[in-house]
Amino acid sequence: MPGYKNICFIDTTNFKYDLNDKYSPKLRGGEGALINLSESLASLGYKIFVLNNCRKTIKRKNLTWSPINKISFLDLKYDVVISNGNFKNLSLIKAKKKFLLLHVPINFEKFLRKKYFIPFFKNKPRVIGLGDYHEEKISKIIKIYGFKKIRWAVDEIFFKSKVTNNKSKIAIFNSRHERNLDILVYIWKNYIYYKNKSLKLLVTGPSLVSYRSHNIFSRKYINQKKIFSDLKKSRVMLIPGHKSETFCLAAQEANEMCVPIVTLGIGCLKERVEHNFTGFIANTYEEFAKYTLQLFEDDKLWMYFRDNLKKKRGRWKWINTAIQIKKIIQQ
């Protein structure tokens, strides 16, 4: 790693979290990714420094997390700085190379509204995004200094577990409720439940007591081990997708657990599912319901998808993502 040994991540997410919150339900994808990336890059030999709203300084081999409110930025200089989702933070630290790790779609209007214009052209960062859909939704101006795609991974518990022949009557929605859960509830109530009243749907988010008469059961946001447990007992994941979703870790967790997915392909979901091979991408609500019922009723079809997913599981780990970051830094 000639010339680039010290990497600083800077993150100004309001809530407090650190390495010890790796499996906490309060983490979103971007924060969980930062924990995993910092650990994996440190394992490659880089000296990693993370500045965020953590409670106290934590030091491990090659890895230091520090409270951002106790840092004197004028004294800081690194080989590489990577801002976690905020262009403005790049102006706080001196570095030979600057990158923005972007998690959401951002068009030019949002770019201006967030007042990113001046820090962007001052720091000239290369942008790191999460896939084809993400690249498509980012303004061309934001990519003028370079754009590279990487992919997220999931925790090893999802691809090291034993795969079983799941004959349960349970479907699961494991994303956040604001990501089109209302569409799924509508489809379930109007196109699925009345055709097979033995099926159950597990969802995350606020209580949906009024929907229990349709076998829809809500759970609070849960940690990784509980997510793993619920996925293991589910026959299929139902997830319409959402325009703000650029990778969807929930879908990738299902893939690694060999749980077929039915989706409308909104946002990046069309990148997480291979139609007619690992799941279904529906064009209409009626088609979504038809595919769902097929996966519950046709064991041969379900096994075909399950076996295809099984051949793919475990191919992508966080260390693979760290290696992608390493290659980008060295370019």
C-alpha atoms as a PDB file:
ATOM      1  CA  MET A   1       0.000   0.000   0.000  1.00  0.00           C
ATOM      2  CA  PRO A   2       2.664   2.556  -0.968  1.00  0.00           C
ATOM      3  CA  GLY A   3       1.623   6.106  -0.190  1.00  0.00           C
ATOM      4  CA  TYR A   4      -1.772   5.296   1.311  1.00  0.00           C
ATOM      5  CA  LYS A   5      -1.691   3.811   4.799  1.00  0.00           C
ATOM      6  CA  ASN A   6      -3.987   5.962   6.926  1.00  0.00           C
ATOM      7  CA  ILE A   7      -7.693   6.111   6.127  1.00  0.00           C
ATOM      8  CA  CYS A   8     -10.139   8.331   7.977  1.00  0.00           C
ATOM      9  CA  PHE A   9     -13.903   7.851   7.848  1.00  0.00           C
ATOM     10  CA  ILE A  10     -15.957  10.810   9.002  1.00  0.00           C
ATOM     11  CA  ASP A  11     -19.634  10.442   9.826  1.00  0.00           C
ATOM     12  CA  THR A  12     -21.936  13.022  11.429  1.00  0.00           C
ATOM     13  CA  THR A  13     -25.017  10.850  11.903  1.00  0.00           C
ATOM     14  CA  ASN A  14     -26.853  12.355  14.877  1.00  0.00           C
ATOM     15  CA  PHE A  15     -27.334   9.228  16.997  1.00  0.00           C
ATOM     16  CA  LYS A  16     -24.471   7.649  18.900  1.00  0.00           C
ATOM     17  CA  TYR A  17     -23.042   4.322  17.760  1.00  0.00           C
ATOM     18  CA  ASP A  18     -19.698   2.549  17.655  1.00  0.00           C
ATOM     19  CA  LEU A  19     -18.082  -0.835  17.017  1.00  0.00           C
ATOM     20  CA  ASN A  20     -20.019  -2.415  19.871  1.00  0.00           C
ATOM     21  CA  ASP A  21     -23.346  -1.603  18.181  1.00  0.00           C
ATOM     22  CA  LYS A  22     -22.672  -3.867  15.213  1.00  0.00           C
ATOM     23  CA  TYR A  23     -25.885  -5.870  15.690  1.00  0.00           C
ATOM     24  CA  SER A  24     -28.045  -3.074  17.075  1.00  0.00           C
ATOM     25  CA  PRO A  25     -31.514  -2.577  15.517  1.00  0.00           C
ATOM     26  CA  LYS A  26     -31.011   1.202  15.571  1.00  0.00           C
ATOM     27  CA  LEU A  27     -28.382   1.033  12.813  1.00  0.00           C
ATOM     28  CA  ARG A  28     -29.326   1.739   9.231  1.00  0.00           C
ATOM     29  CA  GLY A  29     -27.437   0.307   6.275  1.00  0.00           C
ATOM     30  CA  GLY A  30     -24.900   3.132   6.040  1.00  0.00           C
ATOM     31  CA  GLU A  31     -23.890   2.949   9.697  1.00  0.00           C
ATOM     32  CA  GLY A  32     -23.691  -0.845   9.724  1.00  0.00           C
ATOM     33  CA  ALA A  33     -21.586  -0.729   6.579  1.00  0.00           C
ATOM     34  CA  LEU A  34     -19.174   1.740   8.199  1.00  0.00           C
ATOM     35  CA  ILE A  35     -18.574  -0.630  11.112  1.00  0.00           C
ATOM     36  CA  ASN A  36     -17.959  -3.594   8.822  1.00  0.00           C
ATOM     37  CA  LEU A  37     -15.802  -1.639   6.372  1.00  0.00           C
ATOM     38  CA  SER A  38     -13.614  -0.163   9.110  1.00  0.00           C
ATOM     39  CA  GLU A  39     -12.975  -3.631  10.541  1.00  0.00           C
ATOM     40  CA  SER A  40     -12.294  -5.228   7.155  1.00  0.00           C
ATOM     41  CA  LEU A  41      -9.956  -2.479   5.926  1.00  0.00           C
ATOM     42  CA  ALA A  42      -8.052  -2.660   9.219  1.00  0.00           C
ATOM     43  CA  SER A  43      -7.619  -6.401   8.649  1.00  0.00           C
ATOM     44  CA  LEU A  44      -5.975  -5.585   5.292  1.00  0.00           C
ATOM     45  CA  GLY A  45      -3.278  -3.632   7.102  1.00  0.00           C
ATOM     46  CA  TYR A  46      -4.552  -0.073   6.801  1.00  0.00           C
ATOM     47  CA  LYS A  47      -4.629   2.163   9.859  1.00  0.00           C
ATOM     48  CA  ILE A  48      -8.264   3.132  10.140  1.00  0.00           C
ATOM     49  CA  PHE A  49      -9.616   6.135  12.028  1.00  0.00           C
ATOM     50  CA  VAL A  50     -13.361   6.689  12.403  1.00  0.00           C
ATOM     51  CA  LEU A  51     -14.654  10.069  13.605  1.00  0.00           C
ATOM     52  CA  ASN A  52     -18.330  10.034  14.528  1.00  0.00           C
ATOM     53  CA  ASN A  53     -20.756  10.604  17.370  1.00  0.00           C
ATOM     54  CA  CYS A  54     -19.547   7.614  19.371  1.00  0.00           C
ATOM     55  CA  ARG A  55     -19.640   7.681  23.169  1.00  0.00           C
ATOM     56  CA  LYS A  56     -15.922   7.232  23.801  1.00  0.00           C
ATOM     57  CA  THR A  57     -12.662   6.362  22.056  1.00  0.00           C
ATOM     58  CA  ILE A  58     -12.300   2.692  21.145  1.00  0.00           C
ATOM     59  CA  LYS A  59      -8.976   1.267  20.011  1.00  0.00           C
ATOM     60  CA  ARG A  60      -8.303  -2.110  18.452  1.00  0.00           C
ATOM     61  CA  LYS A  61      -5.476  -3.301  16.245  1.00  0.00           C
ATOM     62  CA  ASN A  62      -5.144  -0.826  13.334  1.00  0.00           C
ATOM     63  CA  LEU A  63      -8.549   0.637  14.228  1.00  0.00           C
ATOM     64  CA  THR A  64      -9.550   3.700  16.267  1.00  0.00           C
ATOM     65  CA  TRP A  65     -13.032   5.169  16.740  1.00  0.00           C
ATOM     66  CA  SER A  66     -13.112   8.643  18.300  1.00  0.00           C
ATOM     67  CA  PRO A  67     -15.905  11.066  19.350  1.00  0.00           C
ATOM     68  CA  ILE A  68     -16.065  13.753  16.694  1.00  0.00           C
ATOM     69  CA  ASN A  69     -16.900  16.491  19.220  1.00  0.00           C
ATOM     70  CA  LYS A  70     -13.524  16.009  20.924  1.00  0.00           C
ATOM     71  CA  ILE A  71     -11.427  16.342  17.779  1.00  0.00           C
ATOM     72  CA  SER A  72      -9.347  19.378  16.807  1.00  0.00           C
ATOM     73  CA  PHE A  73      -9.676  19.202  13.026  1.00  0.00           C
ATOM     74  CA  LEU A  74      -6.831  21.618  12.345  1.00  0.00           C
ATOM     75  CA  ASP A  75      -4.360  18.989  13.515  1.00  0.00           C
ATOM     76  CA  LEU A  76      -5.710  16.187  11.344  1.00  0.00           C
ATOM     77  CA  LYS A  77      -4.129  14.950   8.136  1.00  0.00           C
ATOM     78  CA  TYR A  78      -4.568  11.542   6.552  1.00  0.00           C
ATOM     79  CA  ASP A  79      -3.668   9.806   3.332  1.00  0.00           C
ATOM     80  CA  VAL A  80      -7.329   9.193   2.522  1.00  0.00           C
ATOM     81  CA  VAL A  81     -10.574  10.607   3.914  1.00  0.00           C
ATOM     82  CA  ILE A  82     -13.952   9.028   3.171  1.00  0.00           C
ATOM     83  CA  SER A  83     -17.050  10.945   4.189  1.00  0.00           C
ATOM     84  CA  ASN A  84     -20.041   8.796   4.998  1.00  0.00           C
ATOM     85  CA  GLY A  85     -22.784  10.468   2.968  1.00  0.00           C
ATOM     86  CA  ASN A  86     -22.023  14.181   3.530  1.00  0.00           C
ATOM     87  CA  PHE A  87     -20.031  16.362   1.115  1.00  0.00           C
ATOM     88  CA  LYS A  88     -19.559  19.101   3.728  1.00  0.00           C
ATOM     89  CA  ASN A  89     -17.496  16.889   6.041  1.00  0.00           C
ATOM     90  CA  LEU A  90     -14.739  16.627   3.439  1.00  0.00           C
ATOM     91  CA  SER A  91     -13.708  20.210   4.181  1.00  0.00           C
ATOM     92  CA  LEU A  92     -12.913  19.348   7.810  1.00  0.00           C
ATOM     93  CA  ILE A  93      -9.868  17.167   7.147  1.00  0.00           C
ATOM     94  CA  LYS A  94      -6.736  17.409   5.027  1.00  0.00           C
ATOM     95  CA  ALA A  95      -5.968  14.356   2.905  1.00  0.00           C
ATOM     96  CA  LYS A  96      -4.148  13.326  -0.260  1.00  0.00           C
ATOM     97  CA  LYS A  97      -7.334  11.775  -1.625  1.00  0.00           C
ATOM     98  CA  LYS A  98     -10.976  12.445  -0.793  1.00  0.00           C
ATOM     99  CA  PHE A  99     -14.003  10.235  -1.396  1.00  0.00           C
ATOM    100  CA  LEU A 100     -17.707  10.388  -0.670  1.00  0.00           C
ATOM    101  CA  LEU A 101     -19.427   7.132   0.247  1.00  0.00           C
ATOM    102  CA  LEU A 102     -22.965   7.767  -0.970  1.00  0.00           C
ATOM    103  CA  HIS A 103     -25.908   5.633   0.158  1.00  0.00           C
ATOM    104  CA  VAL A 104     -28.915   7.384  -1.378  1.00  0.00           C
ATOM    105  CA  PRO A 105     -29.973   8.659  -4.802  1.00  0.00           C
ATOM    106  CA  ILE A 106     -29.150  12.360  -5.241  1.00  0.00           C
ATOM    107  CA  ASN A 107     -30.184  14.557  -8.146  1.00  0.00           C
ATOM    108  CA  PHE A 108     -28.959  18.057  -8.894  1.00  0.00           C
ATOM    109  CA  GLU A 109     -31.906  19.732  -7.136  1.00  0.00           C
ATOM    110  CA  LYS A 110     -31.168  17.881  -3.902  1.00  0.00           C
ATOM    111  CA  PHE A 111     -27.454  18.559  -4.376  1.00  0.00           C
ATOM    112  CA  LEU A 112     -28.157  22.317  -4.375  1.00  0.00           C
ATOM    113  CA  ARG A 113     -30.764  22.190  -1.615  1.00  0.00           C
ATOM    114  CA  LYS A 114     -28.321  20.446   0.728  1.00  0.00           C
ATOM    115  CA  LYS A 115     -25.740  23.192  -0.023  1.00  0.00           C
ATOM    116  CA  TYR A 116     -23.201  20.663  -1.285  1.00  0.00           C
ATOM    117  CA  PHE A 117     -22.117  22.775  -4.274  1.00  0.00           C
ATOM    118  CA  ILE A 118     -19.185  24.658  -2.687  1.00  0.00           C
ATOM    119  CA  PRO A 119     -17.692  21.750  -0.635  1.00  0.00           C
ATOM    120  CA  PHE A 120     -18.007  19.472  -3.655  1.00  0.00           C
ATOM    121  CA  PHE A 121     -16.011  21.687  -6.026  1.00  0.00           C
ATOM    122  CA  LYS A 122     -13.568  22.647  -3.278  1.00  0.00           C
ATOM    123  CA  ASN A 123     -12.695  19.041  -2.370  1.00  0.00           C
ATOM    124  CA  LYS A 124     -13.211  17.342  -5.758  1.00  0.00           C
ATOM    125  CA  PRO A 125     -14.147  13.946  -4.286  1.00  0.00           C
ATOM    126  CA  ARG A 126     -14.624  10.736  -6.187  1.00  0.00           C
ATOM    127  CA  VAL A 127     -18.042   9.300  -5.401  1.00  0.00           C
ATOM    128  CA  ILE A 128     -18.506   5.675  -4.352  1.00  0.00           C
ATOM    129  CA  GLY A 129     -21.990   4.300  -5.004  1.00  0.00           C
ATOM    130  CA  LEU A 130     -23.837   1.011  -4.744  1.00  0.00           C
ATOM    131  CA  GLY A 131     -25.003  -0.217  -8.125  1.00  0.00           C
ATOM    132  CA  ASP A 132     -26.492   0.498 -11.534  1.00  0.00           C
ATOM    133  CA  TYR A 133     -29.746   1.976 -10.221  1.00  0.00           C
ATOM    134  CA  HIS A 134     -27.774   4.199  -7.860  1.00  0.00           C
ATOM    135  CA  GLU A 135     -25.506   5.425 -10.655  1.00  0.00           C
ATOM    136  CA  GLU A 136     -28.532   6.147 -12.829  1.00  0.00           C
ATOM    137  CA  LYS A 137     -30.143   8.321 -10.132  1.00  0.00           C
ATOM    138  CA  ILE A 138     -27.076  10.461  -9.414  1.00  0.00           C
ATOM    139  CA  SER A 139     -26.635  13.746 -11.272  1.00  0.00           C
ATOM    140  CA  LYS A 140     -23.895  13.697 -13.906  1.00  0.00           C
ATOM    141  CA  ILE A 141     -22.291  16.730 -12.258  1.00  0.00           C
ATOM    142  CA  ILE A 142     -21.744  14.773  -9.043  1.00  0.00           C
ATOM    143  CA  LYS A 143     -19.807  12.159 -11.020  1.00  0.00           C
ATOM    144  CA  ILE A 144     -17.421  14.539 -12.797  1.00  0.00           C
ATOM    145  CA  TYR A 145     -14.450  13.689 -10.542  1.00  0.00           C
ATOM    146  CA  GLY A 146     -15.171   9.970 -10.794  1.00  0.00           C
ATOM    147  CA  PHE A 147     -17.781   7.434  -9.799  1.00  0.00           C
ATOM    148  CA  LYS A 148     -17.117   3.855  -8.710  1.00  0.00           C
ATOM    149  CA  LYS A 149     -19.579   1.140  -7.786  1.00  0.00           C
ATOM    150  CA  ILE A 150     -19.122  -1.272  -4.911  1.00  0.00           C
ATOM    151  CA  ARG A 151     -21.505  -3.724  -3.275  1.00  0.00           C
ATOM    152  CA  TRP A 152     -22.463  -4.355   0.314  1.00  0.00           C
ATOM    153  CA  ALA A 153     -22.160  -7.679   2.079  1.00  0.00           C
ATOM    154  CA  VAL A 154     -24.050  -9.168   5.022  1.00  0.00           C
ATOM    155  CA  ASP A 155     -23.006 -10.709   8.303  1.00  0.00           C
ATOM    156  CA  GLU A 156     -21.621 -14.242   8.097  1.00  0.00           C
ATOM    157  CA  ILE A 157     -24.462 -15.693  10.196  1.00  0.00           C
ATOM    158  CA  PHE A 158     -26.665 -15.369   7.116  1.00  0.00           C
ATOM    159  CA  PHE A 159     -24.515 -17.525   4.841  1.00  0.00           C
ATOM    160  CA  LYS A 160     -23.046 -19.994   7.334  1.00  0.00           C
ATOM    161  CA  SER A 161     -26.332 -21.410   8.598  1.00  0.00           C
ATOM    162  CA  LYS A 162     -27.695 -24.756   7.451  1.00  0.00           C
ATOM    163  CA  VAL A 163     -30.233 -24.492   4.633  1.00  0.00           C
ATOM    164  CA  THR A 164     -33.432 -26.479   5.215  1.00  0.00           C
ATOM    165  CA  ASN A 165     -36.466 -27.472   3.147  1.00  0.00           C
ATOM    166  CA  ASN A 166     -38.809 -24.822   4.522  1.00  0.00           C
ATOM    167  CA  LYS A 167     -42.484 -25.752   4.215  1.00  0.00           C
ATOM    168  CA  SER A 168     -43.775 -22.984   6.467  1.00  0.00           C
ATOM    169  CA  LYS A 169     -46.754 -20.770   5.668  1.00  0.00           C
ATOM    170  CA  ILE A 170     -44.853 -17.590   6.609  1.00  0.00           C
ATOM    171  CA  ALA A 171     -43.858 -14.692   4.363  1.00  0.00           C
ATOM    172  CA  ILE A 172     -41.622 -11.887   5.619  1.00  0.00           C
ATOM    173  CA  PHE A 173     -41.113  -8.193   4.911  1.00  0.00           C
ATOM    174  CA  ASN A 174     -37.808  -7.256   6.537  1.00  0.00           C
ATOM    175  CA  SER A 175     -37.293  -3.702   5.351  1.00  0.00           C
ATOM    176  CA  ARG A 176     -38.419  -0.471   7.044  1.00  0.00           C
ATOM    177  CA  HIS A 177     -42.121   0.269   7.000  1.00  0.00           C
ATOM    178  CA  GLU A 178     -41.747   3.550   5.088  1.00  0.00           C
ATOM    179  CA  ARG A 179     -40.314   1.605   2.157  1.00  0.00           C
ATOM    180  CA  ASN A 180     -43.662   0.715   0.594  1.00  0.00           C
ATOM    181  CA  LEU A 181     -44.994  -1.587   3.299  1.00  0.00           C
ATOM    182  CA  ASP A 182     -48.379   0.016   2.554  1.00  0.00           C
ATOM    183  CA  ILE A 183     -48.237  -1.396  -0.983  1.00  0.00           C
ATOM    184  CA  LEU A 184     -47.464  -4.874   0.332  1.00  0.00           C
ATOM    185  CA  VAL A 185     -50.284  -4.713   2.896  1.00  0.00           C
ATOM    186  CA  TYR A 186     -52.695  -3.694   0.132  1.00  0.00           C
ATOM    187  CA  ILE A 187     -51.590  -6.592  -2.096  1.00  0.00           C
ATOM    188  CA  TRP A 188     -51.744  -9.050   0.788  1.00  0.00           C
ATOM    189  CA  LYS A 189     -55.247  -8.021   1.877  1.00  0.00           C
ATOM    190  CA  ASN A 190     -56.760  -7.763  -1.593  1.00  0.00           C
ATOM    191  CA  TYR A 191     -54.975 -10.389  -3.679  1.00  0.00           C
ATOM    192  CA  ILE A 192     -53.305 -12.980  -1.431  1.00  0.00           C
ATOM    193  CA  TYR A 193     -55.039 -13.522   1.893  1.00  0.00           C
ATOM    194  CA  TYR A 194     -58.526 -14.244   0.605  1.00  0.00           C
ATOM    195  CA  LYS A 195     -57.097 -16.950  -1.705  1.00  0.00           C
ATOM    196  CA  ASN A 196     -55.160 -18.726   1.057  1.00  0.00           C
ATOM    197  CA  LYS A 197     -56.121 -17.765   4.609  1.00  0.00           C
ATOM    198  CA  SER A 198     -53.560 -20.124   6.146  1.00  0.00           C
ATOM    199  CA  LEU A 199     -50.661 -17.834   5.136  1.00  0.00           C
ATOM    200  CA  LYS A 200     -49.044 -15.374   7.542  1.00  0.00           C
ATOM    201  CA  LEU A 201     -47.074 -12.192   6.866  1.00  0.00           C
ATOM    202  CA  LEU A 202     -44.404 -10.874   9.250  1.00  0.00           C
ATOM    203  CA  VAL A 203     -43.599  -7.163   8.888  1.00  0.00           C
ATOM    204  CA  THR A 204     -41.437  -4.608  10.698  1.00  0.00           C
ATOM    205  CA  GLY A 205     -42.488  -1.222  11.981  1.00  0.00           C
ATOM    206  CA  PRO A 206     -45.457   0.230  13.880  1.00  0.00           C
ATOM    207  CA  SER A 207     -48.161  -2.022  15.229  1.00  0.00           C
ATOM    208  CA  LEU A 208     -50.690  -3.176  12.658  1.00  0.00           C
ATOM    209  CA  VAL A 209     -53.212  -4.610  15.113  1.00  0.00           C
ATOM    210  CA  SER A 210     -56.093  -3.800  12.779  1.00  0.00           C
ATOM    211  CA  TYR A 211     -54.551  -6.089  10.151  1.00  0.00           C
ATOM    212  CA  ARG A 212     -54.228  -9.186  12.315  1.00  0.00           C
ATOM    213  CA  SER A 213     -57.560 -10.343  10.956  1.00  0.00           C
ATOM    214  CA  HIS A 214     -55.647 -10.761   7.678  1.00  0.00           C
ATOM    215  CA  ASN A 215     -52.753 -12.653   9.349  1.00  0.00           C
ATOM    216  CA  ILE A 216     -50.384  -9.670   9.217  1.00  0.00           C
ATOM    217  CA  PHE A 217     -48.159  -9.546  12.303  1.00  0.00           C
ATOM    218  CA  SER A 218     -45.843  -6.630  13.065  1.00  0.00           C
ATOM    219  CA  ARG A 219     -42.553  -6.805  14.977  1.00  0.00           C
ATOM    220  CA  LYS A 220     -40.373  -4.024  16.325  1.00  0.00           C
ATOM    221  CA  TYR A 221     -37.074  -3.305  14.601  1.00  0.00           C
ATOM    222  CA  ILE A 222     -34.902  -6.186  15.696  1.00  0.00           C
ATOM    223  CA  ASN A 223     -31.245  -7.139  15.905  1.00  0.00           C
ATOM    224  CA  GLN A 224     -29.363  -9.335  13.458  1.00  0.00           C
ATOM    225  CA  LYS A 225     -29.877 -12.547  15.398  1.00  0.00           C
ATOM    226  CA  LYS A 226     -33.654 -12.043  15.516  1.00  0.00           C
ATOM    227  CA  ILE A 227     -33.717 -11.143  11.819  1.00  0.00           C
ATOM    228  CA  PHE A 228     -31.801 -14.362  11.158  1.00  0.00           C
ATOM    229  CA  SER A 229     -34.286 -16.358  13.231  1.00  0.00           C
ATOM    230  CA  ASP A 230     -37.326 -14.888  11.459  1.00  0.00           C
ATOM    231  CA  LEU A 231     -35.801 -15.390   8.013  1.00  0.00           C
ATOM    232  CA  LYS A 232     -35.019 -19.007   8.812  1.00  0.00           C
ATOM    233  CA  LYS A 233     -38.674 -19.790   9.453  1.00  0.00           C
ATOM    234  CA  SER A 234     -39.936 -17.881   6.386  1.00  0.00           C
ATOM    235  CA  ARG A 235     -40.829 -19.493   3.078  1.00  0.00           C
ATOM    236  CA  VAL A 236     -40.544 -16.306   0.993  1.00  0.00           C
ATOM    237  CA  MET A 237     -39.599 -12.623   1.290  1.00  0.00           C
ATOM    238  CA  LEU A 238     -42.144 -10.139  -0.071  1.00  0.00           C
ATOM    239  CA  ILE A 239     -40.628  -6.704  -0.724  1.00  0.00           C
ATOM    240  CA  PRO A 240     -42.004  -4.279  -3.336  1.00  0.00           C
ATOM    241  CA  GLY A 241     -38.852  -2.116  -3.283  1.00  0.00           C
ATOM    242  CA  HIS A 242     -38.522   1.652  -2.913  1.00  0.00           C
ATOM    243  CA  LYS A 243     -37.053   4.462  -5.011  1.00  0.00           C
ATOM    244  CA  SER A 244     -34.676   5.484  -2.191  1.00  0.00           C
ATOM    245  CA  GLU A 245     -33.252   1.962  -1.810  1.00  0.00           C
ATOM    246  CA  THR A 246     -29.841   1.691  -3.494  1.00  0.00           C
ATOM    247  CA  PHE A 247     -28.758  -1.775  -2.344  1.00  0.00           C
ATOM    248  CA  CYS A 248     -31.249  -3.333   0.130  1.00  0.00           C
ATOM    249  CA  LEU A 249     -29.375  -5.361   2.718  1.00  0.00           C
ATOM    250  CA  ALA A 250     -32.658  -7.008   3.739  1.00  0.00           C
ATOM    251  CA  ALA A 251     -32.958  -8.597   0.303  1.00  0.00           C
ATOM    252  CA  GLN A 252     -29.317  -9.689   0.336  1.00  0.00           C
ATOM    253  CA  GLU A 253     -29.814 -11.306   3.748  1.00  0.00           C
ATOM    254  CA  ALA A 254     -32.731 -13.261   2.298  1.00  0.00           C
ATOM    255  CA  ASN A 255     -30.594 -14.311  -0.675  1.00  0.00           C
ATOM    256  CA  GLU A 256     -27.877 -15.618   1.646  1.00  0.00           C
ATOM    257  CA  MET A 257     -30.495 -17.517   3.658  1.00  0.00           C
ATOM    258  CA  CYS A 258     -31.778 -19.007   0.380  1.00  0.00           C
ATOM    259  CA  VAL A 259     -35.227 -17.458   0.821  1.00  0.00           C
ATOM    260  CA  PRO A 260     -36.768 -16.632  -2.589  1.00  0.00           C
ATOM    261  CA  ILE A 261     -37.956 -13.043  -3.093  1.00  0.00           C
ATOM    262  CA  VAL A 262     -41.016 -11.612  -4.791  1.00  0.00           C
ATOM    263  CA  THR A 263     -40.665  -7.918  -5.649  1.00  0.00           C
ATOM    264  CA  LEU A 264     -42.044  -5.197  -7.884  1.00  0.00           C
ATOM    265  CA  GLY A 265     -38.437  -4.326  -8.723  1.00  0.00           C
ATOM    266  CA  ILE A 266     -38.751  -0.729  -7.517  1.00  0.00           C
ATOM    267  CA  GLY A 267     -35.393   0.973  -6.909  1.00  0.00           C
ATOM    268  CA  CYS A 268     -32.491  -1.444  -6.720  1.00  0.00           C
ATOM    269  CA  LEU A 269     -34.590  -4.566  -6.077  1.00  0.00           C
ATOM    270  CA  LYS A 270     -34.327  -5.569  -9.704  1.00  0.00           C
ATOM    271  CA  GLU A 271     -30.579  -5.939  -9.032  1.00  0.00           C
ATOM    272  CA  ARG A 272     -31.105  -8.217  -6.022  1.00  0.00           C
ATOM    273  CA  VAL A 273     -33.399 -10.710  -7.788  1.00  0.00           C
ATOM    274  CA  GLU A 274     -32.838 -12.785 -10.917  1.00  0.00           C
ATOM    275  CA  HIS A 275     -36.308 -13.240 -12.357  1.00  0.00           C
ATOM    276  CA  ASN A 276     -37.380 -16.873 -12.673  1.00  0.00           C
ATOM    277  CA  PHE A 277     -34.063 -17.999 -11.172  1.00  0.00           C
ATOM    278  CA  THR A 278     -33.798 -16.741  -7.572  1.00  0.00           C
ATOM    279  CA  GLY A 279     -37.226 -15.130  -7.294  1.00  0.00           C
ATOM    280  CA  PHE A 280     -39.811 -13.127  -9.197  1.00  0.00           C
ATOM    281  CA  ILE A 281     -39.978  -9.512 -10.385  1.00  0.00           C
ATOM    282  CA  ALA A 282     -43.660  -8.706 -10.836  1.00  0.00           C
ATOM    283  CA  ASN A 283     -45.078  -6.005 -13.111  1.00  0.00           C
ATOM    284  CA  THR A 284     -48.468  -5.672 -11.397  1.00  0.00           C
ATOM    285  CA  TYR A 285     -50.042  -6.250  -7.987  1.00  0.00           C
ATOM    286  CA  GLU A 286     -51.961  -9.208  -9.389  1.00  0.00           C
ATOM    287  CA  GLU A 287     -48.751 -10.736 -10.747  1.00  0.00           C
ATOM    288  CA  PHE A 288     -47.021 -10.159  -7.391  1.00  0.00           C
ATOM    289  CA  ALA A 289     -49.801 -12.111  -5.662  1.00  0.00           C
ATOM    290  CA  LYS A 290     -49.728 -14.886  -8.263  1.00  0.00           C
ATOM    291  CA  TYR A 291     -45.990 -15.397  -7.835  1.00  0.00           C
ATOM    292  CA  THR A 292     -46.309 -15.375  -4.046  1.00  0.00           C
ATOM    293  CA  LEU A 293     -48.987 -18.053  -4.051  1.00  0.00           C
ATOM    294  CA  GLN A 294     -46.966 -20.167  -6.485  1.00  0.00           C
ATOM    295  CA  LEU A 295     -43.983 -20.200  -4.136  1.00  0.00           C
ATOM    296  CA  PHE A 296     -46.159 -21.335  -1.263  1.00  0.00           C
ATOM    297  CA  GLU A 297     -48.002 -23.986  -3.239  1.00  0.00           C
ATOM    298  CA  ASP A 298     -45.394 -25.350  -5.656  1.00  0.00           C
ATOM    299  CA  ASP A 299     -42.632 -27.157  -3.739  1.00  0.00           C
ATOM    300  CA  LYS A 300     -40.742 -28.020  -6.916  1.00  0.00           C
ATOM    301  CA  LEU A 301     -40.578 -24.363  -7.982  1.00  0.00           C
ATOM    302  CA  TRP A 302     -39.572 -23.243  -4.487  1.00  0.00           C
ATOM    303  CA  MET A 303     -36.800 -25.867  -4.352  1.00  0.00           C
ATOM    304  CA  TYR A 304     -35.520 -24.735  -7.754  1.00  0.00           C
ATOM    305  CA  PHE A 305     -35.107 -21.175  -6.515  1.00  0.00           C
ATOM    306  CA  ARG A 306     -33.700 -22.354  -3.184  1.00  0.00           C
ATOM    307  CA  ASP A 307     -31.055 -24.500  -4.898  1.00  0.00           C
ATOM    308  CA  ASN A 308     -30.058 -21.646  -7.223  1.00  0.00           C
ATOM    309  CA  LEU A 309     -29.607 -19.346  -4.237  1.00  0.00           C
ATOM    310  CA  LYS A 310     -27.658 -22.017  -2.387  1.00  0.00           C
ATOM    311  CA  LYS A 311     -25.062 -22.147  -5.176  1.00  0.00           C
ATOM    312  CA  LYS A 312     -24.501 -18.403  -4.832  1.00  0.00           C
ATOM    313  CA  ARG A 313     -24.400 -17.991  -1.046  1.00  0.00           C
ATOM    314  CA  GLY A 314     -21.237 -16.952   0.732  1.00  0.00           C
ATOM    315  CA  ARG A 315     -19.552 -15.584  -2.385  1.00  0.00           C
ATOM    316  CA  TRP A 316     -19.492 -12.007  -1.106  1.00  0.00           C
ATOM    317  CA  LYS A 317     -18.166 -10.993   2.310  1.00  0.00           C
ATOM    318  CA  TRP A 318     -17.248  -7.625   3.820  1.00  0.00           C
ATOM    319  CA  ILE A 319     -13.599  -8.353   3.106  1.00  0.00           C
ATOM    320  CA  ASN A 320     -14.530  -8.409  -0.608  1.00  0.00           C
ATOM    321  CA  THR A 321     -16.057  -4.953  -0.255  1.00  0.00           C
ATOM    322  CA  ALA A 322     -12.929  -3.751   1.552  1.00  0.00           C
ATOM    323  CA  ILE A 323     -10.797  -5.044  -1.330  1.00  0.00           C
ATOM    324  CA  GLN A 324     -12.976  -3.057  -3.745  1.00  0.00           C
ATOM    325  CA  ILE A 325     -12.346   0.077  -1.648  1.00  0.00           C
ATOM    326  CA  LYS A 326      -8.614  -0.697  -1.632  1.00  0.00           C
ATOM    327  CA  LYS A 327      -8.520  -0.878  -5.438  1.00  0.00           C
ATOM    328  CA  ILE A 328     -10.406   2.408  -5.743  1.00  0.00           C
ATOM    329  CA  ILE A 329      -8.008   4.157  -3.373  1.00  0.00           C
ATOM    330  CA  GLN A 330      -4.954   2.922  -5.260  1.00  0.00           C
ATOM    331  CA  GLN A 331      -6.207   4.097  -8.670  1.00  0.00           C
END
